[in-house]
Amino acid sequence: MSDQLTPGHRLLLEFLDMPELLEGIERDADLTSAGLNSGDLIRLALAIEEQTGSPLEDDELTALHTLDGIDQVLTARGATATAEGAS
């Protein structure tokens, strides 16, 4: 399954306390309803900001609640979505 993951999915997996929560989740499903916590999403947002060198806008932050939204933000910012870039 890992070869089918999008860049946003791979990046998010780096920051989850329980990565198994993403197994089988729909791309447009609300991630907090699936069991992700605010800390997971904050770490994701910080990683994207660090990779792209600028803070996320309010609309970008609200988009991070779905896998589709994460990929849209990464695409719009041209981010590489690798954990190495977040270091």
PDB file of N, CA and C in Angstrom:
ATOM      1  N   MET A   1       0.807  -1.200   0.000  1.00  0.00           N
ATOM      2  CA  MET A   1       0.000   0.000   0.000  1.00  0.00           C
ATOM      3  C   MET A   1       0.853   1.268   0.000  1.00  0.00           C
ATOM      4  N   SER A   2       2.056   1.211   0.564  1.00  0.00           N
ATOM      5  CA  SER A   2       2.875   2.408   0.686  1.00  0.00           C
ATOM      6  C   SER A   2       3.224   3.031  -0.661  1.00  0.00           C
ATOM      7  N   ASP A   3       3.261   2.237  -1.742  1.00  0.00           N
ATOM      8  CA  ASP A   3       3.562   2.806  -3.049  1.00  0.00           C
ATOM      9  C   ASP A   3       2.376   3.575  -3.609  1.00  0.00           C
ATOM     10  N   GLN A   4       1.194   3.454  -3.010  1.00  0.00           N
ATOM     11  CA  GLN A   4       0.002   4.154  -3.461  1.00  0.00           C
ATOM     12  C   GLN A   4      -0.266   5.414  -2.637  1.00  0.00           C
ATOM     13  N   LEU A   5       0.562   5.704  -1.680  1.00  0.00           N
ATOM     14  CA  LEU A   5       0.345   6.851  -0.813  1.00  0.00           C
ATOM     15  C   LEU A   5       0.731   8.145  -1.521  1.00  0.00           C
ATOM     16  N   THR A   6      -0.041   9.179  -1.259  1.00  0.00           N
ATOM     17  CA  THR A   6       0.274  10.496  -1.802  1.00  0.00           C
ATOM     18  C   THR A   6       1.352  11.143  -0.943  1.00  0.00           C
ATOM     19  N   PRO A   7       1.975  12.211  -1.442  1.00  0.00           N
ATOM     20  CA  PRO A   7       2.980  12.899  -0.628  1.00  0.00           C
ATOM     21  C   PRO A   7       2.430  13.375   0.713  1.00  0.00           C
ATOM     22  N   GLY A   8       1.210  13.886   0.726  1.00  0.00           N
ATOM     23  CA  GLY A   8       0.616  14.347   1.972  1.00  0.00           C
ATOM     24  C   GLY A   8       0.376  13.219   2.953  1.00  0.00           C
ATOM     25  N   HIS A   9      -0.030  12.083   2.436  1.00  0.00           N
ATOM     26  CA  HIS A   9      -0.268  10.902   3.268  1.00  0.00           C
ATOM     27  C   HIS A   9       1.045  10.450   3.912  1.00  0.00           C
ATOM     28  N   ARG A  10       2.106  10.380   3.108  1.00  0.00           N
ATOM     29  CA  ARG A  10       3.412   9.966   3.640  1.00  0.00           C
ATOM     30  C   ARG A  10       3.911  10.936   4.701  1.00  0.00           C
ATOM     31  N   LEU A  11       3.744  12.236   4.449  1.00  0.00           N
ATOM     32  CA  LEU A  11       4.187  13.228   5.422  1.00  0.00           C
ATOM     33  C   LEU A  11       3.383  13.110   6.711  1.00  0.00           C
ATOM     34  N   LEU A  12       2.084  12.968   6.595  1.00  0.00           N
ATOM     35  CA  LEU A  12       1.236  12.848   7.776  1.00  0.00           C
ATOM     36  C   LEU A  12       1.613  11.631   8.611  1.00  0.00           C
ATOM     37  N   LEU A  13       1.943  10.534   7.975  1.00  0.00           N
ATOM     38  CA  LEU A  13       2.319   9.327   8.708  1.00  0.00           C
ATOM     39  C   LEU A  13       3.523   9.556   9.620  1.00  0.00           C
ATOM     40  N   GLU A  14       4.387  10.500   9.254  1.00  0.00           N
ATOM     41  CA  GLU A  14       5.569  10.790  10.063  1.00  0.00           C
ATOM     42  C   GLU A  14       5.213  11.429  11.404  1.00  0.00           C
ATOM     43  N   PHE A  15       4.027  12.029  11.488  1.00  0.00           N
ATOM     44  CA  PHE A  15       3.683  12.809  12.666  1.00  0.00           C
ATOM     45  C   PHE A  15       2.567  12.207  13.502  1.00  0.00           C
ATOM     46  N   LEU A  16       2.073  11.059  13.125  1.00  0.00           N
ATOM     47  CA  LEU A  16       0.970  10.456  13.857  1.00  0.00           C
ATOM     48  C   LEU A  16       1.457   9.679  15.063  1.00  0.00           C
ATOM     49  N   ASP A  17       0.719   9.813  16.150  1.00  0.00           N
ATOM     50  CA  ASP A  17       0.999   8.996  17.324  1.00  0.00           C
ATOM     51  C   ASP A  17       0.600   7.547  17.047  1.00  0.00           C
ATOM     52  N   MET A  18      -0.447   7.358  16.234  1.00  0.00           N
ATOM     53  CA  MET A  18      -0.948   6.024  15.883  1.00  0.00           C
ATOM     54  C   MET A  18      -1.168   5.953  14.364  1.00  0.00           C
ATOM     55  N   PRO A  19      -0.121   5.672  13.577  1.00  0.00           N
ATOM     56  CA  PRO A  19      -0.229   5.671  12.110  1.00  0.00           C
ATOM     57  C   PRO A  19      -1.303   4.738  11.566  1.00  0.00           C
ATOM     58  N   GLU A  20      -1.629   3.679  12.312  1.00  0.00           N
ATOM     59  CA  GLU A  20      -2.640   2.734  11.837  1.00  0.00           C
ATOM     60  C   GLU A  20      -4.020   3.376  11.691  1.00  0.00           C
ATOM     61  N   LEU A  21      -4.213   4.569  12.262  1.00  0.00           N
ATOM     62  CA  LEU A  21      -5.492   5.260  12.123  1.00  0.00           C
ATOM     63  C   LEU A  21      -5.811   5.606  10.665  1.00  0.00           C
ATOM     64  N   LEU A  22      -4.777   5.735   9.839  1.00  0.00           N
ATOM     65  CA  LEU A  22      -4.997   6.115   8.444  1.00  0.00           C
ATOM     66  C   LEU A  22      -5.326   4.936   7.534  1.00  0.00           C
ATOM     67  N   GLU A  23      -5.186   3.725   8.028  1.00  0.00           N
ATOM     68  CA  GLU A  23      -5.452   2.554   7.188  1.00  0.00           C
ATOM     69  C   GLU A  23      -6.908   2.558   6.730  1.00  0.00           C
ATOM     70  N   GLY A  24      -7.102   2.589   5.434  1.00  0.00           N
ATOM     71  CA  GLY A  24      -8.434   2.502   4.859  1.00  0.00           C
ATOM     72  C   GLY A  24      -9.266   3.765   4.944  1.00  0.00           C
ATOM     73  N   ILE A  25      -8.705   4.865   5.423  1.00  0.00           N
ATOM     74  CA  ILE A  25      -9.490   6.095   5.527  1.00  0.00           C
ATOM     75  C   ILE A  25      -9.688   6.717   4.144  1.00  0.00           C
ATOM     76  N   GLU A  26     -10.883   7.219   3.912  1.00  0.00           N
ATOM     77  CA  GLU A  26     -11.187   7.875   2.640  1.00  0.00           C
ATOM     78  C   GLU A  26     -10.429   9.192   2.549  1.00  0.00           C
ATOM     79  N   ARG A  27     -10.102   9.592   1.335  1.00  0.00           N
ATOM     80  CA  ARG A  27      -9.317  10.802   1.107  1.00  0.00           C
ATOM     81  C   ARG A  27     -10.022  12.075   1.575  1.00  0.00           C
ATOM     82  N   ASP A  28     -11.358  12.047   1.568  1.00  0.00           N
ATOM     83  CA  ASP A  28     -12.090  13.248   1.977  1.00  0.00           C
ATOM     84  C   ASP A  28     -12.694  13.129   3.378  1.00  0.00           C
ATOM     85  N   ALA A  29     -12.318  12.092   4.108  1.00  0.00           N
ATOM     86  CA  ALA A  29     -12.826  11.896   5.470  1.00  0.00           C
ATOM     87  C   ALA A  29     -12.151  12.867   6.438  1.00  0.00           C
ATOM     88  N   ASP A  30     -12.898  13.311   7.422  1.00  0.00           N
ATOM     89  CA  ASP A  30     -12.358  14.192   8.453  1.00  0.00           C
ATOM     90  C   ASP A  30     -11.380  13.393   9.317  1.00  0.00           C
ATOM     91  N   LEU A  31     -10.145  13.825   9.352  1.00  0.00           N
ATOM     92  CA  LEU A  31      -9.101  13.086  10.056  1.00  0.00           C
ATOM     93  C   LEU A  31      -9.303  13.081  11.569  1.00  0.00           C
ATOM     94  N   THR A  32      -9.868  14.143  12.117  1.00  0.00           N
ATOM     95  CA  THR A  32     -10.097  14.143  13.557  1.00  0.00           C
ATOM     96  C   THR A  32     -11.202  13.165  13.931  1.00  0.00           C
ATOM     97  N   SER A  33     -12.173  12.982  13.054  1.00  0.00           N
ATOM     98  CA  SER A  33     -13.216  11.981  13.302  1.00  0.00           C
ATOM     99  C   SER A  33     -12.652  10.571  13.220  1.00  0.00           C
ATOM    100  N   ALA A  34     -11.573  10.417  12.481  1.00  0.00           N
ATOM    101  CA  ALA A  34     -10.928   9.114  12.338  1.00  0.00           C
ATOM    102  C   ALA A  34     -10.011   8.804  13.515  1.00  0.00           C
ATOM    103  N   GLY A  35      -9.800   9.780  14.396  1.00  0.00           N
ATOM    104  CA  GLY A  35      -9.010   9.525  15.596  1.00  0.00           C
ATOM    105  C   GLY A  35      -7.712  10.298  15.701  1.00  0.00           C
ATOM    106  N   LEU A  36      -7.382  11.133  14.711  1.00  0.00           N
ATOM    107  CA  LEU A  36      -6.172  11.931  14.830  1.00  0.00           C
ATOM    108  C   LEU A  36      -6.398  13.017  15.866  1.00  0.00           C
ATOM    109  N   ASN A  37      -5.327  13.382  16.559  1.00  0.00           N
ATOM    110  CA  ASN A  37      -5.469  14.419  17.573  1.00  0.00           C
ATOM    111  C   ASN A  37      -4.888  15.741  17.086  1.00  0.00           C
ATOM    112  N   SER A  38      -5.148  16.782  17.835  1.00  0.00           N
ATOM    113  CA  SER A  38      -4.696  18.111  17.431  1.00  0.00           C
ATOM    114  C   SER A  38      -3.174  18.191  17.366  1.00  0.00           C
ATOM    115  N   GLY A  39      -2.492  17.456  18.223  1.00  0.00           N
ATOM    116  CA  GLY A  39      -1.029  17.454  18.183  1.00  0.00           C
ATOM    117  C   GLY A  39      -0.485  16.920  16.869  1.00  0.00           C
ATOM    118  N   ASP A  40      -1.126  15.872  16.336  1.00  0.00           N
ATOM    119  CA  ASP A  40      -0.713  15.330  15.044  1.00  0.00           C
ATOM    120  C   ASP A  40      -0.831  16.393  13.960  1.00  0.00           C
ATOM    121  N   LEU A  41      -1.941  17.103  13.958  1.00  0.00           N
ATOM    122  CA  LEU A  41      -2.184  18.107  12.919  1.00  0.00           C
ATOM    123  C   LEU A  41      -1.288  19.331  13.097  1.00  0.00           C
ATOM    124  N   ILE A  42      -0.978  19.676  14.326  1.00  0.00           N
ATOM    125  CA  ILE A  42      -0.067  20.794  14.568  1.00  0.00           C
ATOM    126  C   ILE A  42       1.331  20.456  14.069  1.00  0.00           C
ATOM    127  N   ARG A  43       1.794  19.237  14.367  1.00  0.00           N
ATOM    128  CA  ARG A  43       3.118  18.821  13.878  1.00  0.00           C
ATOM    129  C   ARG A  43       3.159  18.820  12.357  1.00  0.00           C
ATOM    130  N   LEU A  44       2.076  18.391  11.725  1.00  0.00           N
ATOM    131  CA  LEU A  44       1.991  18.417  10.265  1.00  0.00           C
ATOM    132  C   LEU A  44       2.075  19.848   9.740  1.00  0.00           C
ATOM    133  N   ALA A  45       1.300  20.740  10.326  1.00  0.00           N
ATOM    134  CA  ALA A  45       1.298  22.143   9.888  1.00  0.00           C
ATOM    135  C   ALA A  45       2.685  22.759  10.041  1.00  0.00           C
ATOM    136  N   LEU A  46       3.330  22.501  11.157  1.00  0.00           N
ATOM    137  CA  LEU A  46       4.673  23.043  11.383  1.00  0.00           C
ATOM    138  C   LEU A  46       5.680  22.504  10.371  1.00  0.00           C
ATOM    139  N   ALA A  47       5.556  21.240  10.028  1.00  0.00           N
ATOM    140  CA  ALA A  47       6.466  20.647   9.042  1.00  0.00           C
ATOM    141  C   ALA A  47       6.275  21.296   7.674  1.00  0.00           C
ATOM    142  N   ILE A  48       5.037  21.536   7.292  1.00  0.00           N
ATOM    143  CA  ILE A  48       4.771  22.178   6.001  1.00  0.00           C
ATOM    144  C   ILE A  48       5.314  23.604   6.004  1.00  0.00           C
ATOM    145  N   GLU A  49       5.109  24.314   7.101  1.00  0.00           N
ATOM    146  CA  GLU A  49       5.638  25.680   7.194  1.00  0.00           C
ATOM    147  C   GLU A  49       7.153  25.693   7.102  1.00  0.00           C
ATOM    148  N   GLU A  50       7.792  24.746   7.764  1.00  0.00           N
ATOM    149  CA  GLU A  50       9.256  24.690   7.717  1.00  0.00           C
ATOM    150  C   GLU A  50       9.755  24.356   6.313  1.00  0.00           C
ATOM    151  N   GLN A  51       9.101  23.416   5.656  1.00  0.00           N
ATOM    152  CA  GLN A  51       9.496  23.030   4.297  1.00  0.00           C
ATOM    153  C   GLN A  51       9.367  24.174   3.316  1.00  0.00           C
ATOM    154  N   THR A  52       8.293  24.943   3.462  1.00  0.00           N
ATOM    155  CA  THR A  52       8.000  25.985   2.475  1.00  0.00           C
ATOM    156  C   THR A  52       8.530  27.347   2.880  1.00  0.00           C
ATOM    157  N   GLY A  53       8.955  27.488   4.132  1.00  0.00           N
ATOM    158  CA  GLY A  53       9.561  28.739   4.569  1.00  0.00           C
ATOM    159  C   GLY A  53       8.584  29.864   4.857  1.00  0.00           C
ATOM    160  N   SER A  54       7.310  29.548   4.979  1.00  0.00           N
ATOM    161  CA  SER A  54       6.340  30.592   5.323  1.00  0.00           C
ATOM    162  C   SER A  54       5.165  30.000   6.083  1.00  0.00           C
ATOM    163  N   PRO A  55       4.531  30.831   6.911  1.00  0.00           N
ATOM    164  CA  PRO A  55       3.404  30.344   7.705  1.00  0.00           C
ATOM    165  C   PRO A  55       2.215  29.979   6.821  1.00  0.00           C
ATOM    166  N   LEU A  56       1.431  29.028   7.294  1.00  0.00           N
ATOM    167  CA  LEU A  56       0.210  28.651   6.586  1.00  0.00           C
ATOM    168  C   LEU A  56      -0.857  29.717   6.796  1.00  0.00           C
ATOM    169  N   GLU A  57      -1.627  29.962   5.768  1.00  0.00           N
ATOM    170  CA  GLU A  57      -2.767  30.871   5.860  1.00  0.00           C
ATOM    171  C   GLU A  57      -3.911  30.148   6.568  1.00  0.00           C
ATOM    172  N   ASP A  58      -4.897  30.900   7.036  1.00  0.00           N
ATOM    173  CA  ASP A  58      -6.034  30.302   7.733  1.00  0.00           C
ATOM    174  C   ASP A  58      -6.741  29.241   6.896  1.00  0.00           C
ATOM    175  N   ASP A  59      -6.958  29.529   5.614  1.00  0.00           N
ATOM    176  CA  ASP A  59      -7.658  28.554   4.755  1.00  0.00           C
ATOM    177  C   ASP A  59      -6.824  27.295   4.550  1.00  0.00           C
ATOM    178  N   GLU A  60      -5.514  27.435   4.546  1.00  0.00           N
ATOM    179  CA  GLU A  60      -4.648  26.264   4.426  1.00  0.00           C
ATOM    180  C   GLU A  60      -4.712  25.416   5.697  1.00  0.00           C
ATOM    181  N   LEU A  61      -4.709  26.068   6.835  1.00  0.00           N
ATOM    182  CA  LEU A  61      -4.807  25.336   8.104  1.00  0.00           C
ATOM    183  C   LEU A  61      -6.105  24.547   8.191  1.00  0.00           C
ATOM    184  N   THR A  62      -7.197  25.140   7.775  1.00  0.00           N
ATOM    185  CA  THR A  62      -8.477  24.432   7.845  1.00  0.00           C
ATOM    186  C   THR A  62      -8.548  23.300   6.830  1.00  0.00           C
ATOM    187  N   ALA A  63      -7.769  23.376   5.763  1.00  0.00           N
ATOM    188  CA  ALA A  63      -7.764  22.314   4.752  1.00  0.00           C
ATOM    189  C   ALA A  63      -7.049  21.059   5.236  1.00  0.00           C
ATOM    190  N   LEU A  64      -6.243  21.170   6.283  1.00  0.00           N
ATOM    191  CA  LEU A  64      -5.444  20.040   6.746  1.00  0.00           C
ATOM    192  C   LEU A  64      -6.251  18.965   7.460  1.00  0.00           C
ATOM    193  N   HIS A  65      -7.552  19.070   7.490  1.00  0.00           N
ATOM    194  CA  HIS A  65      -8.373  18.071   8.192  1.00  0.00           C
ATOM    195  C   HIS A  65      -8.725  16.862   7.326  1.00  0.00           C
ATOM    196  N   THR A  66      -8.317  16.862   6.037  1.00  0.00           N
ATOM    197  CA  THR A  66      -8.516  15.693   5.169  1.00  0.00           C
ATOM    198  C   THR A  66      -7.223  15.406   4.409  1.00  0.00           C
ATOM    199  N   LEU A  67      -7.081  14.172   3.933  1.00  0.00           N
ATOM    200  CA  LEU A  67      -5.912  13.833   3.117  1.00  0.00           C
ATOM    201  C   LEU A  67      -5.901  14.639   1.823  1.00  0.00           C
ATOM    202  N   ASP A  68      -7.073  14.831   1.211  1.00  0.00           N
ATOM    203  CA  ASP A  68      -7.151  15.655   0.003  1.00  0.00           C
ATOM    204  C   ASP A  68      -6.679  17.073   0.280  1.00  0.00           C
ATOM    205  N   GLY A  69      -7.115  17.628   1.409  1.00  0.00           N
ATOM    206  CA  GLY A  69      -6.725  18.983   1.772  1.00  0.00           C
ATOM    207  C   GLY A  69      -5.233  19.124   1.971  1.00  0.00           C
ATOM    208  N   ILE A  70      -4.630  18.136   2.617  1.00  0.00           N
ATOM    209  CA  ILE A  70      -3.181  18.160   2.828  1.00  0.00           C
ATOM    210  C   ILE A  70      -2.459  18.171   1.485  1.00  0.00           C
ATOM    211  N   ASP A  71      -2.883  17.309   0.576  1.00  0.00           N
ATOM    212  CA  ASP A  71      -2.243  17.271  -0.742  1.00  0.00           C
ATOM    213  C   ASP A  71      -2.453  18.571  -1.511  1.00  0.00           C
ATOM    214  N   GLN A  72      -3.617  19.184  -1.374  1.00  0.00           N
ATOM    215  CA  GLN A  72      -3.870  20.454  -2.056  1.00  0.00           C
ATOM    216  C   GLN A  72      -2.947  21.548  -1.540  1.00  0.00           C
ATOM    217  N   VAL A  73      -2.762  21.598  -0.233  1.00  0.00           N
ATOM    218  CA  VAL A  73      -1.871  22.597   0.353  1.00  0.00           C
ATOM    219  C   VAL A  73      -0.435  22.349  -0.118  1.00  0.00           C
ATOM    220  N   LEU A  74       0.002  21.105  -0.081  1.00  0.00           N
ATOM    221  CA  LEU A  74       1.366  20.785  -0.522  1.00  0.00           C
ATOM    222  C   LEU A  74       1.562  21.131  -1.998  1.00  0.00           C
ATOM    223  N   THR A  75       0.593  20.809  -2.816  1.00  0.00           N
ATOM    224  CA  THR A  75       0.691  21.106  -4.245  1.00  0.00           C
ATOM    225  C   THR A  75       0.739  22.611  -4.480  1.00  0.00           C
ATOM    226  N   ALA A  76      -0.130  23.350  -3.813  1.00  0.00           N
ATOM    227  CA  ALA A  76      -0.173  24.797  -3.985  1.00  0.00           C
ATOM    228  C   ALA A  76       1.130  25.457  -3.561  1.00  0.00           C
ATOM    229  N   ARG A  77       1.779  24.893  -2.564  1.00  0.00           N
ATOM    230  CA  ARG A  77       3.031  25.460  -2.066  1.00  0.00           C
ATOM    231  C   ARG A  77       4.263  24.847  -2.728  1.00  0.00           C
ATOM    232  N   GLY A  78       4.066  23.828  -3.536  1.00  0.00           N
ATOM    233  CA  GLY A  78       5.198  23.170  -4.175  1.00  0.00           C
ATOM    234  C   GLY A  78       6.088  22.438  -3.203  1.00  0.00           C
ATOM    235  N   ALA A  79       5.522  21.982  -2.085  1.00  0.00           N
ATOM    236  CA  ALA A  79       6.303  21.294  -1.056  1.00  0.00           C
ATOM    237  C   ALA A  79       6.651  19.885  -1.503  1.00  0.00           C
ATOM    238  N   THR A  80       7.759  19.384  -1.004  1.00  0.00           N
ATOM    239  CA  THR A  80       8.211  18.049  -1.364  1.00  0.00           C
ATOM    240  C   THR A  80       7.570  16.956  -0.547  1.00  0.00           C
ATOM    241  N   ALA A  81       7.014  17.306   0.593  1.00  0.00           N
ATOM    242  CA  ALA A  81       6.308  16.364   1.470  1.00  0.00           C
ATOM    243  C   ALA A  81       7.174  15.193   1.909  1.00  0.00           C
ATOM    244  N   THR A  82       8.376  15.498   2.344  1.00  0.00           N
ATOM    245  CA  THR A  82       9.209  14.454   2.923  1.00  0.00           C
ATOM    246  C   THR A  82       9.574  14.850   4.337  1.00  0.00           C
ATOM    247  N   ALA A  83       9.681  13.892   5.178  1.00  0.00           N
ATOM    248  CA  ALA A  83      10.027  14.168   6.560  1.00  0.00           C
ATOM    249  C   ALA A  83      11.434  14.763   6.644  1.00  0.00           C
ATOM    250  N   GLU A  84      12.315  14.397   5.718  1.00  0.00           N
ATOM    251  CA  GLU A  84      13.663  14.941   5.722  1.00  0.00           C
ATOM    252  C   GLU A  84      13.631  16.446   5.547  1.00  0.00           C
ATOM    253  N   GLY A  85      12.700  16.943   4.728  1.00  0.00           N
ATOM    254  CA  GLY A  85      12.569  18.375   4.530  1.00  0.00           C
ATOM    255  C   GLY A  85      12.047  19.085   5.748  1.00  0.00           C
ATOM    256  N   ALA A  86      11.416  18.334   6.645  1.00  0.00           N
ATOM    257  CA  ALA A  86      10.857  18.922   7.849  1.00  0.00           C
ATOM    258  C   ALA A  86      11.903  19.044   8.953  1.00  0.00           C
ATOM    259  N   SER A  87      13.065  18.438   8.747  1.00  0.00           N
ATOM    260  CA  SER A  87      14.098  18.466   9.790  1.00  0.00           C
ATOM    261  C   SER A  87      14.828  19.781   9.805  1.00  0.00           C
TER     262      SER A  87
END
